[in-house]
């Protein structure tokens, strides 16, 4: 089984929600708060997805949420 690594960029509340439910799902969740930490974390993984409220330059493995509200179950569907 291949575990997806989710890197939550600068969103503590989303990190806490996803971390709490991640034990039932097929992913590990990590929180990074700045671009230097993000670059370091990316180097650790081959299989990752960044979830952020804004586009991060030069990175294609990302899901941009923006500032809109969303359904957590639909978010999990997109992640999987």
PDB file of N, CA and C in Angstrom:
ATOM      1  N   UNK A   1       0.848  -1.173   0.000  1.00  0.00           N
ATOM      2  CA  UNK A   1       0.000   0.000   0.000  1.00  0.00           C
ATOM      3  C   UNK A   1       0.894   1.236   0.000  1.00  0.00           C
ATOM      4  N   UNK A   2       0.567   2.189  -0.854  1.00  0.00           N
ATOM      5  CA  UNK A   2       1.358   3.395  -1.009  1.00  0.00           C
ATOM      6  C   UNK A   2       0.717   4.529  -0.210  1.00  0.00           C
ATOM      7  N   UNK A   3       1.435   5.049   0.753  1.00  0.00           N
ATOM      8  CA  UNK A   3       0.897   6.105   1.609  1.00  0.00           C
ATOM      9  C   UNK A   3       1.219   7.461   1.016  1.00  0.00           C
ATOM     10  N   UNK A   4       0.201   8.291   0.882  1.00  0.00           N
ATOM     11  CA  UNK A   4       0.352   9.660   0.392  1.00  0.00           C
ATOM     12  C   UNK A   4       0.802  10.540   1.558  1.00  0.00           C
ATOM     13  N   UNK A   5       1.735  11.418   1.315  1.00  0.00           N
ATOM     14  CA  UNK A   5       2.180  12.383   2.311  1.00  0.00           C
ATOM     15  C   UNK A   5       1.545  13.727   1.991  1.00  0.00           C
ATOM     16  N   UNK A   6       0.755  14.234   2.907  1.00  0.00           N
ATOM     17  CA  UNK A   6       0.118  15.537   2.737  1.00  0.00           C
ATOM     18  C   UNK A   6       0.911  16.571   3.502  1.00  0.00           C
ATOM     19  N   UNK A   7       1.295  17.602   2.813  1.00  0.00           N
ATOM     20  CA  UNK A   7       2.009  18.707   3.447  1.00  0.00           C
ATOM     21  C   UNK A   7       1.048  19.887   3.473  1.00  0.00           C
ATOM     22  N   UNK A   8       0.651  20.281   4.659  1.00  0.00           N
ATOM     23  CA  UNK A   8      -0.262  21.403   4.821  1.00  0.00           C
ATOM     24  C   UNK A   8       0.589  22.646   5.018  1.00  0.00           C
ATOM     25  N   UNK A   9       0.433  23.578   4.104  1.00  0.00           N
ATOM     26  CA  UNK A   9       1.251  24.791   4.141  1.00  0.00           C
ATOM     27  C   UNK A   9       0.485  25.926   4.809  1.00  0.00           C
ATOM     28  N   UNK A  10       0.947  26.298   5.988  1.00  0.00           N
ATOM     29  CA  UNK A  10       0.481  27.482   6.695  1.00  0.00           C
ATOM     30  C   UNK A  10      -1.024  27.476   6.997  1.00  0.00           C
ATOM     31  N   UNK A  11      -1.540  26.325   7.437  1.00  0.00           N
ATOM     32  CA  UNK A  11      -2.948  26.229   7.821  1.00  0.00           C
ATOM     33  C   UNK A  11      -3.077  25.255   8.985  1.00  0.00           C
ATOM     34  N   UNK A  12      -2.875  25.763  10.175  1.00  0.00           N
ATOM     35  CA  UNK A  12      -2.881  24.935  11.375  1.00  0.00           C
ATOM     36  C   UNK A  12      -4.222  24.257  11.603  1.00  0.00           C
ATOM     37  N   UNK A  13      -5.311  24.970  11.394  1.00  0.00           N
ATOM     38  CA  UNK A  13      -6.631  24.379  11.645  1.00  0.00           C
ATOM     39  C   UNK A  13      -6.909  23.207  10.695  1.00  0.00           C
ATOM     40  N   UNK A  14      -6.579  23.345   9.412  1.00  0.00           N
ATOM     41  CA  UNK A  14      -6.763  22.245   8.473  1.00  0.00           C
ATOM     42  C   UNK A  14      -5.860  21.072   8.849  1.00  0.00           C
ATOM     43  N   UNK A  15      -4.644  21.365   9.250  1.00  0.00           N
ATOM     44  CA  UNK A  15      -3.721  20.315   9.688  1.00  0.00           C
ATOM     45  C   UNK A  15      -4.312  19.521  10.842  1.00  0.00           C
ATOM     46  N   UNK A  16      -4.855  20.199  11.833  1.00  0.00           N
ATOM     47  CA  UNK A  16      -5.422  19.518  12.998  1.00  0.00           C
ATOM     48  C   UNK A  16      -6.595  18.620  12.611  1.00  0.00           C
ATOM     49  N   UNK A  17      -7.431  19.085  11.708  1.00  0.00           N
ATOM     50  CA  UNK A  17      -8.573  18.282  11.259  1.00  0.00           C
ATOM     51  C   UNK A  17      -8.100  17.038  10.514  1.00  0.00           C
ATOM     52  N   UNK A  18      -7.213  17.234   9.547  1.00  0.00           N
ATOM     53  CA  UNK A  18      -6.748  16.105   8.750  1.00  0.00           C
ATOM     54  C   UNK A  18      -5.906  15.129   9.557  1.00  0.00           C
ATOM     55  N   UNK A  19      -5.141  15.626  10.486  1.00  0.00           N
ATOM     56  CA  UNK A  19      -4.338  14.754  11.327  1.00  0.00           C
ATOM     57  C   UNK A  19      -5.233  13.857  12.178  1.00  0.00           C
ATOM     58  N   UNK A  20      -6.325  14.407  12.665  1.00  0.00           N
ATOM     59  CA  UNK A  20      -7.233  13.647  13.507  1.00  0.00           C
ATOM     60  C   UNK A  20      -7.904  12.498  12.748  1.00  0.00           C
ATOM     61  N   UNK A  21      -8.208  12.704  11.484  1.00  0.00           N
ATOM     62  CA  UNK A  21      -8.888  11.648  10.724  1.00  0.00           C
ATOM     63  C   UNK A  21      -7.929  10.814   9.878  1.00  0.00           C
ATOM     64  N   UNK A  22      -6.669  11.161   9.818  1.00  0.00           N
ATOM     65  CA  UNK A  22      -5.721  10.477   8.936  1.00  0.00           C
ATOM     66  C   UNK A  22      -5.487   9.022   9.326  1.00  0.00           C
ATOM     67  N   UNK A  23      -5.718   8.645  10.561  1.00  0.00           N
ATOM     68  CA  UNK A  23      -5.489   7.260  10.957  1.00  0.00           C
ATOM     69  C   UNK A  23      -6.459   6.309  10.264  1.00  0.00           C
ATOM     70  N   UNK A  24      -7.599   6.816   9.801  1.00  0.00           N
ATOM     71  CA  UNK A  24      -8.555   6.001   9.055  1.00  0.00           C
ATOM     72  C   UNK A  24      -8.331   6.049   7.554  1.00  0.00           C
ATOM     73  N   UNK A  25      -7.434   6.882   7.112  1.00  0.00           N
ATOM     74  CA  UNK A  25      -7.221   7.085   5.687  1.00  0.00           C
ATOM     75  C   UNK A  25      -5.807   6.684   5.303  1.00  0.00           C
ATOM     76  N   UNK A  26      -5.498   6.813   4.046  1.00  0.00           N
ATOM     77  CA  UNK A  26      -4.216   6.353   3.533  1.00  0.00           C
ATOM     78  C   UNK A  26      -3.242   7.517   3.316  1.00  0.00           C
ATOM     79  N   UNK A  27      -3.081   8.371   4.331  1.00  0.00           N
ATOM     80  CA  UNK A  27      -2.106   9.438   4.201  1.00  0.00           C
ATOM     81  C   UNK A  27      -1.561   9.873   5.549  1.00  0.00           C
ATOM     82  N   UNK A  28      -0.357  10.439   5.502  1.00  0.00           N
ATOM     83  CA  UNK A  28       0.269  11.053   6.669  1.00  0.00           C
ATOM     84  C   UNK A  28       0.244  12.552   6.459  1.00  0.00           C
ATOM     85  N   UNK A  29       0.059  13.301   7.538  1.00  0.00           N
ATOM     86  CA  UNK A  29      -0.110  14.748   7.438  1.00  0.00           C
ATOM     87  C   UNK A  29       1.040  15.455   8.149  1.00  0.00           C
ATOM     88  N   UNK A  30       1.584  16.482   7.471  1.00  0.00           N
ATOM     89  CA  UNK A  30       2.673  17.280   8.023  1.00  0.00           C
ATOM     90  C   UNK A  30       2.318  18.753   7.877  1.00  0.00           C
ATOM     91  N   UNK A  31       2.700  19.543   8.831  1.00  0.00           N
ATOM     92  CA  UNK A  31       2.458  20.985   8.803  1.00  0.00           C
ATOM     93  C   UNK A  31       3.778  21.712   8.608  1.00  0.00           C
ATOM     94  N   UNK A  32       3.804  22.623   7.656  1.00  0.00           N
ATOM     95  CA  UNK A  32       4.947  23.524   7.484  1.00  0.00           C
ATOM     96  C   UNK A  32       4.424  24.950   7.466  1.00  0.00           C
ATOM     97  N   UNK A  33       5.211  25.853   8.013  1.00  0.00           N
ATOM     98  CA  UNK A  33       4.735  27.229   8.168  1.00  0.00           C
ATOM     99  C   UNK A  33       5.474  28.250   7.320  1.00  0.00           C
ATOM    100  N   UNK A  34       6.558  27.842   6.661  1.00  0.00           N
ATOM    101  CA  UNK A  34       7.268  28.786   5.805  1.00  0.00           C
ATOM    102  C   UNK A  34       7.876  28.048   4.613  1.00  0.00           C
ATOM    103  N   UNK A  35       8.315  28.807   3.613  1.00  0.00           N
ATOM    104  CA  UNK A  35       8.800  28.200   2.366  1.00  0.00           C
ATOM    105  C   UNK A  35      10.087  27.394   2.555  1.00  0.00           C
ATOM    106  N   UNK A  36      10.957  27.814   3.456  1.00  0.00           N
ATOM    107  CA  UNK A  36      12.183  27.048   3.690  1.00  0.00           C
ATOM    108  C   UNK A  36      11.867  25.675   4.277  1.00  0.00           C
ATOM    109  N   UNK A  37      10.953  25.639   5.223  1.00  0.00           N
ATOM    110  CA  UNK A  37      10.535  24.355   5.797  1.00  0.00           C
ATOM    111  C   UNK A  37       9.845  23.498   4.750  1.00  0.00           C
ATOM    112  N   UNK A  38       9.089  24.136   3.873  1.00  0.00           N
ATOM    113  CA  UNK A  38       8.408  23.419   2.803  1.00  0.00           C
ATOM    114  C   UNK A  38       9.424  22.761   1.869  1.00  0.00           C
ATOM    115  N   UNK A  39      10.444  23.497   1.467  1.00  0.00           N
ATOM    116  CA  UNK A  39      11.476  22.938   0.587  1.00  0.00           C
ATOM    117  C   UNK A  39      12.180  21.757   1.243  1.00  0.00           C
ATOM    118  N   UNK A  40      12.468  21.873   2.528  1.00  0.00           N
ATOM    119  CA  UNK A  40      13.110  20.778   3.255  1.00  0.00           C
ATOM    120  C   UNK A  40      12.213  19.543   3.305  1.00  0.00           C
ATOM    121  N   UNK A  41      10.935  19.750   3.556  1.00  0.00           N
ATOM    122  CA  UNK A  41       9.991  18.640   3.655  1.00  0.00           C
ATOM    123  C   UNK A  41       9.804  17.953   2.308  1.00  0.00           C
ATOM    124  N   UNK A  42       9.758  18.717   1.234  1.00  0.00           N
ATOM    125  CA  UNK A  42       9.609  18.152  -0.109  1.00  0.00           C
ATOM    126  C   UNK A  42      10.783  17.232  -0.445  1.00  0.00           C
ATOM    127  N   UNK A  43      11.971  17.602  -0.013  1.00  0.00           N
ATOM    128  CA  UNK A  43      13.158  16.791  -0.281  1.00  0.00           C
ATOM    129  C   UNK A  43      13.075  15.415   0.383  1.00  0.00           C
ATOM    130  N   UNK A  44      12.290  15.301   1.453  1.00  0.00           N
ATOM    131  CA  UNK A  44      12.166  14.041   2.182  1.00  0.00           C
ATOM    132  C   UNK A  44      11.318  13.014   1.449  1.00  0.00           C
ATOM    133  N   UNK A  45      10.389  13.463   0.616  1.00  0.00           N
ATOM    134  CA  UNK A  45       9.400  12.564   0.039  1.00  0.00           C
ATOM    135  C   UNK A  45       9.447  12.530  -1.480  1.00  0.00           C
ATOM    136  N   UNK A  46       9.106  11.379  -2.028  1.00  0.00           N
ATOM    137  CA  UNK A  46       8.888  11.258  -3.460  1.00  0.00           C
ATOM    138  C   UNK A  46       7.396  11.371  -3.762  1.00  0.00           C
ATOM    139  N   UNK A  47       6.575  10.966  -2.836  1.00  0.00           N
ATOM    140  CA  UNK A  47       5.137  10.927  -3.007  1.00  0.00           C
ATOM    141  C   UNK A  47       4.490  11.906  -2.021  1.00  0.00           C
ATOM    142  N   UNK A  48       4.102  13.077  -2.514  1.00  0.00           N
ATOM    143  CA  UNK A  48       3.533  14.085  -1.629  1.00  0.00           C
ATOM    144  C   UNK A  48       2.521  14.951  -2.380  1.00  0.00           C
ATOM    145  N   UNK A  49       1.686  15.610  -1.598  1.00  0.00           N
ATOM    146  CA  UNK A  49       0.743  16.598  -2.105  1.00  0.00           C
ATOM    147  C   UNK A  49       0.743  17.759  -1.137  1.00  0.00           C
ATOM    148  N   UNK A  50       0.885  18.970  -1.660  1.00  0.00           N
ATOM    149  CA  UNK A  50       0.851  20.172  -0.831  1.00  0.00           C
ATOM    150  C   UNK A  50      -0.559  20.741  -0.892  1.00  0.00           C
ATOM    151  N   UNK A  51      -1.116  21.032   0.262  1.00  0.00           N
ATOM    152  CA  UNK A  51      -2.415  21.697   0.328  1.00  0.00           C
ATOM    153  C   UNK A  51      -2.175  23.080   0.897  1.00  0.00           C
ATOM    154  N   UNK A  52      -2.633  24.088   0.158  1.00  0.00           N
ATOM    155  CA  UNK A  52      -2.355  25.471   0.516  1.00  0.00           C
ATOM    156  C   UNK A  52      -3.519  26.365   0.124  1.00  0.00           C
ATOM    157  N   UNK A  53      -3.555  27.551   0.708  1.00  0.00           N
ATOM    158  CA  UNK A  53      -4.566  28.549   0.340  1.00  0.00           C
ATOM    159  C   UNK A  53      -4.129  29.390  -0.848  1.00  0.00           C
ATOM    160  N   UNK A  54      -2.843  29.324  -1.202  1.00  0.00           N
ATOM    161  CA  UNK A  54      -2.339  30.103  -2.337  1.00  0.00           C
ATOM    162  C   UNK A  54      -1.371  29.257  -3.146  1.00  0.00           C
ATOM    163  N   UNK A  55      -1.172  29.625  -4.395  1.00  0.00           N
ATOM    164  CA  UNK A  55      -0.258  28.902  -5.279  1.00  0.00           C
ATOM    165  C   UNK A  55       1.180  29.113  -4.834  1.00  0.00           C
ATOM    166  N   UNK A  56       1.912  28.029  -4.814  1.00  0.00           N
ATOM    167  CA  UNK A  56       3.318  28.068  -4.465  1.00  0.00           C
ATOM    168  C   UNK A  56       4.099  27.888  -5.762  1.00  0.00           C
ATOM    169  N   UNK A  57       4.944  28.833  -6.085  1.00  0.00           N
ATOM    170  CA  UNK A  57       5.643  28.812  -7.375  1.00  0.00           C
ATOM    171  C   UNK A  57       6.520  27.578  -7.523  1.00  0.00           C
ATOM    172  N   UNK A  58       6.637  27.120  -8.774  1.00  0.00           N
ATOM    173  CA  UNK A  58       7.496  26.002  -9.150  1.00  0.00           C
ATOM    174  C   UNK A  58       7.158  24.690  -8.454  1.00  0.00           C
ATOM    175  N   UNK A  59       5.909  24.493  -8.098  1.00  0.00           N
ATOM    176  CA  UNK A  59       5.513  23.238  -7.491  1.00  0.00           C
ATOM    177  C   UNK A  59       4.211  22.780  -8.103  1.00  0.00           C
ATOM    178  N   UNK A  60       4.233  21.586  -8.661  1.00  0.00           N
ATOM    179  CA  UNK A  60       3.068  21.093  -9.390  1.00  0.00           C
ATOM    180  C   UNK A  60       2.206  20.142  -8.574  1.00  0.00           C
ATOM    181  N   UNK A  61       2.717  19.612  -7.493  1.00  0.00           N
ATOM    182  CA  UNK A  61       1.966  18.678  -6.658  1.00  0.00           C
ATOM    183  C   UNK A  61       1.239  19.432  -5.558  1.00  0.00           C
ATOM    184  N   UNK A  62       0.276  20.238  -5.956  1.00  0.00           N
ATOM    185  CA  UNK A  62      -0.427  21.015  -4.935  1.00  0.00           C
ATOM    186  C   UNK A  62      -1.905  21.126  -5.234  1.00  0.00           C
ATOM    187  N   UNK A  63      -2.649  21.249  -4.158  1.00  0.00           N
ATOM    188  CA  UNK A  63      -4.078  21.479  -4.215  1.00  0.00           C
ATOM    189  C   UNK A  63      -4.309  22.827  -3.551  1.00  0.00           C
ATOM    190  N   UNK A  64      -4.860  23.759  -4.311  1.00  0.00           N
ATOM    191  CA  UNK A  64      -5.057  25.117  -3.811  1.00  0.00           C
ATOM    192  C   UNK A  64      -6.511  25.268  -3.373  1.00  0.00           C
ATOM    193  N   UNK A  65      -6.701  25.577  -2.105  1.00  0.00           N
ATOM    194  CA  UNK A  65      -8.045  25.703  -1.562  1.00  0.00           C
ATOM    195  C   UNK A  65      -8.606  27.112  -1.712  1.00  0.00           C
ATOM    196  N   UNK A  66      -7.761  28.101  -1.676  1.00  0.00           N
ATOM    197  CA  UNK A  66      -8.227  29.483  -1.707  1.00  0.00           C
ATOM    198  C   UNK A  66      -8.854  29.851  -0.379  1.00  0.00           C
ATOM    199  N   UNK A  67      -9.635  30.873  -0.380  1.00  0.00           N
ATOM    200  CA  UNK A  67     -10.264  31.354   0.852  1.00  0.00           C
ATOM    201  C   UNK A  67     -11.740  31.005   0.929  1.00  0.00           C
ATOM    202  N   UNK A  68     -12.157  29.997   0.172  1.00  0.00           N
ATOM    203  CA  UNK A  68     -13.559  29.605   0.176  1.00  0.00           C
ATOM    204  C   UNK A  68     -13.805  28.501   1.187  1.00  0.00           C
ATOM    205  N   UNK A  69     -15.061  28.314   1.547  1.00  0.00           N
ATOM    206  CA  UNK A  69     -15.414  27.205   2.425  1.00  0.00           C
ATOM    207  C   UNK A  69     -15.491  25.929   1.597  1.00  0.00           C
ATOM    208  N   UNK A  70     -15.322  24.797   2.242  1.00  0.00           N
ATOM    209  CA  UNK A  70     -15.344  23.529   1.534  1.00  0.00           C
ATOM    210  C   UNK A  70     -15.834  22.432   2.459  1.00  0.00           C
ATOM    211  N   UNK A  71     -16.276  21.353   1.856  1.00  0.00           N
ATOM    212  CA  UNK A  71     -16.725  20.177   2.572  1.00  0.00           C
ATOM    213  C   UNK A  71     -15.519  19.268   2.775  1.00  0.00           C
ATOM    214  N   UNK A  72     -15.259  18.849   4.003  1.00  0.00           N
ATOM    215  CA  UNK A  72     -14.074  18.043   4.307  1.00  0.00           C
ATOM    216  C   UNK A  72     -14.114  16.711   3.564  1.00  0.00           C
ATOM    217  N   UNK A  73     -15.297  16.136   3.367  1.00  0.00           N
ATOM    218  CA  UNK A  73     -15.400  14.861   2.666  1.00  0.00           C
ATOM    219  C   UNK A  73     -15.061  15.010   1.180  1.00  0.00           C
ATOM    220  N   UNK A  74     -15.439  16.128   0.580  1.00  0.00           N
ATOM    221  CA  UNK A  74     -15.074  16.382  -0.819  1.00  0.00           C
ATOM    222  C   UNK A  74     -13.573  16.615  -0.946  1.00  0.00           C
ATOM    223  N   UNK A  75     -12.989  17.259   0.051  1.00  0.00           N
ATOM    224  CA  UNK A  75     -11.540  17.462   0.054  1.00  0.00           C
ATOM    225  C   UNK A  75     -10.823  16.118   0.104  1.00  0.00           C
ATOM    226  N   UNK A  76     -11.285  15.223   0.941  1.00  0.00           N
ATOM    227  CA  UNK A  76     -10.665  13.897   1.052  1.00  0.00           C
ATOM    228  C   UNK A  76     -10.800  13.127  -0.259  1.00  0.00           C
ATOM    229  N   UNK A  77     -11.936  13.264  -0.933  1.00  0.00           N
ATOM    230  CA  UNK A  77     -12.102  12.640  -2.244  1.00  0.00           C
ATOM    231  C   UNK A  77     -11.064  13.156  -3.238  1.00  0.00           C
ATOM    232  N   UNK A  78     -10.825  14.452  -3.229  1.00  0.00           N
ATOM    233  CA  UNK A  78      -9.824  15.023  -4.135  1.00  0.00           C
ATOM    234  C   UNK A  78      -8.420  14.523  -3.799  1.00  0.00           C
ATOM    235  N   UNK A  79      -8.127  14.394  -2.527  1.00  0.00           N
ATOM    236  CA  UNK A  79      -6.815  13.931  -2.103  1.00  0.00           C
ATOM    237  C   UNK A  79      -6.582  12.500  -2.573  1.00  0.00           C
ATOM    238  N   UNK A  80      -7.592  11.676  -2.398  1.00  0.00           N
ATOM    239  CA  UNK A  80      -7.450  10.255  -2.788  1.00  0.00           C
ATOM    240  C   UNK A  80      -7.454  10.140  -4.291  1.00  0.00           C
TER     241      UNK A  80
END
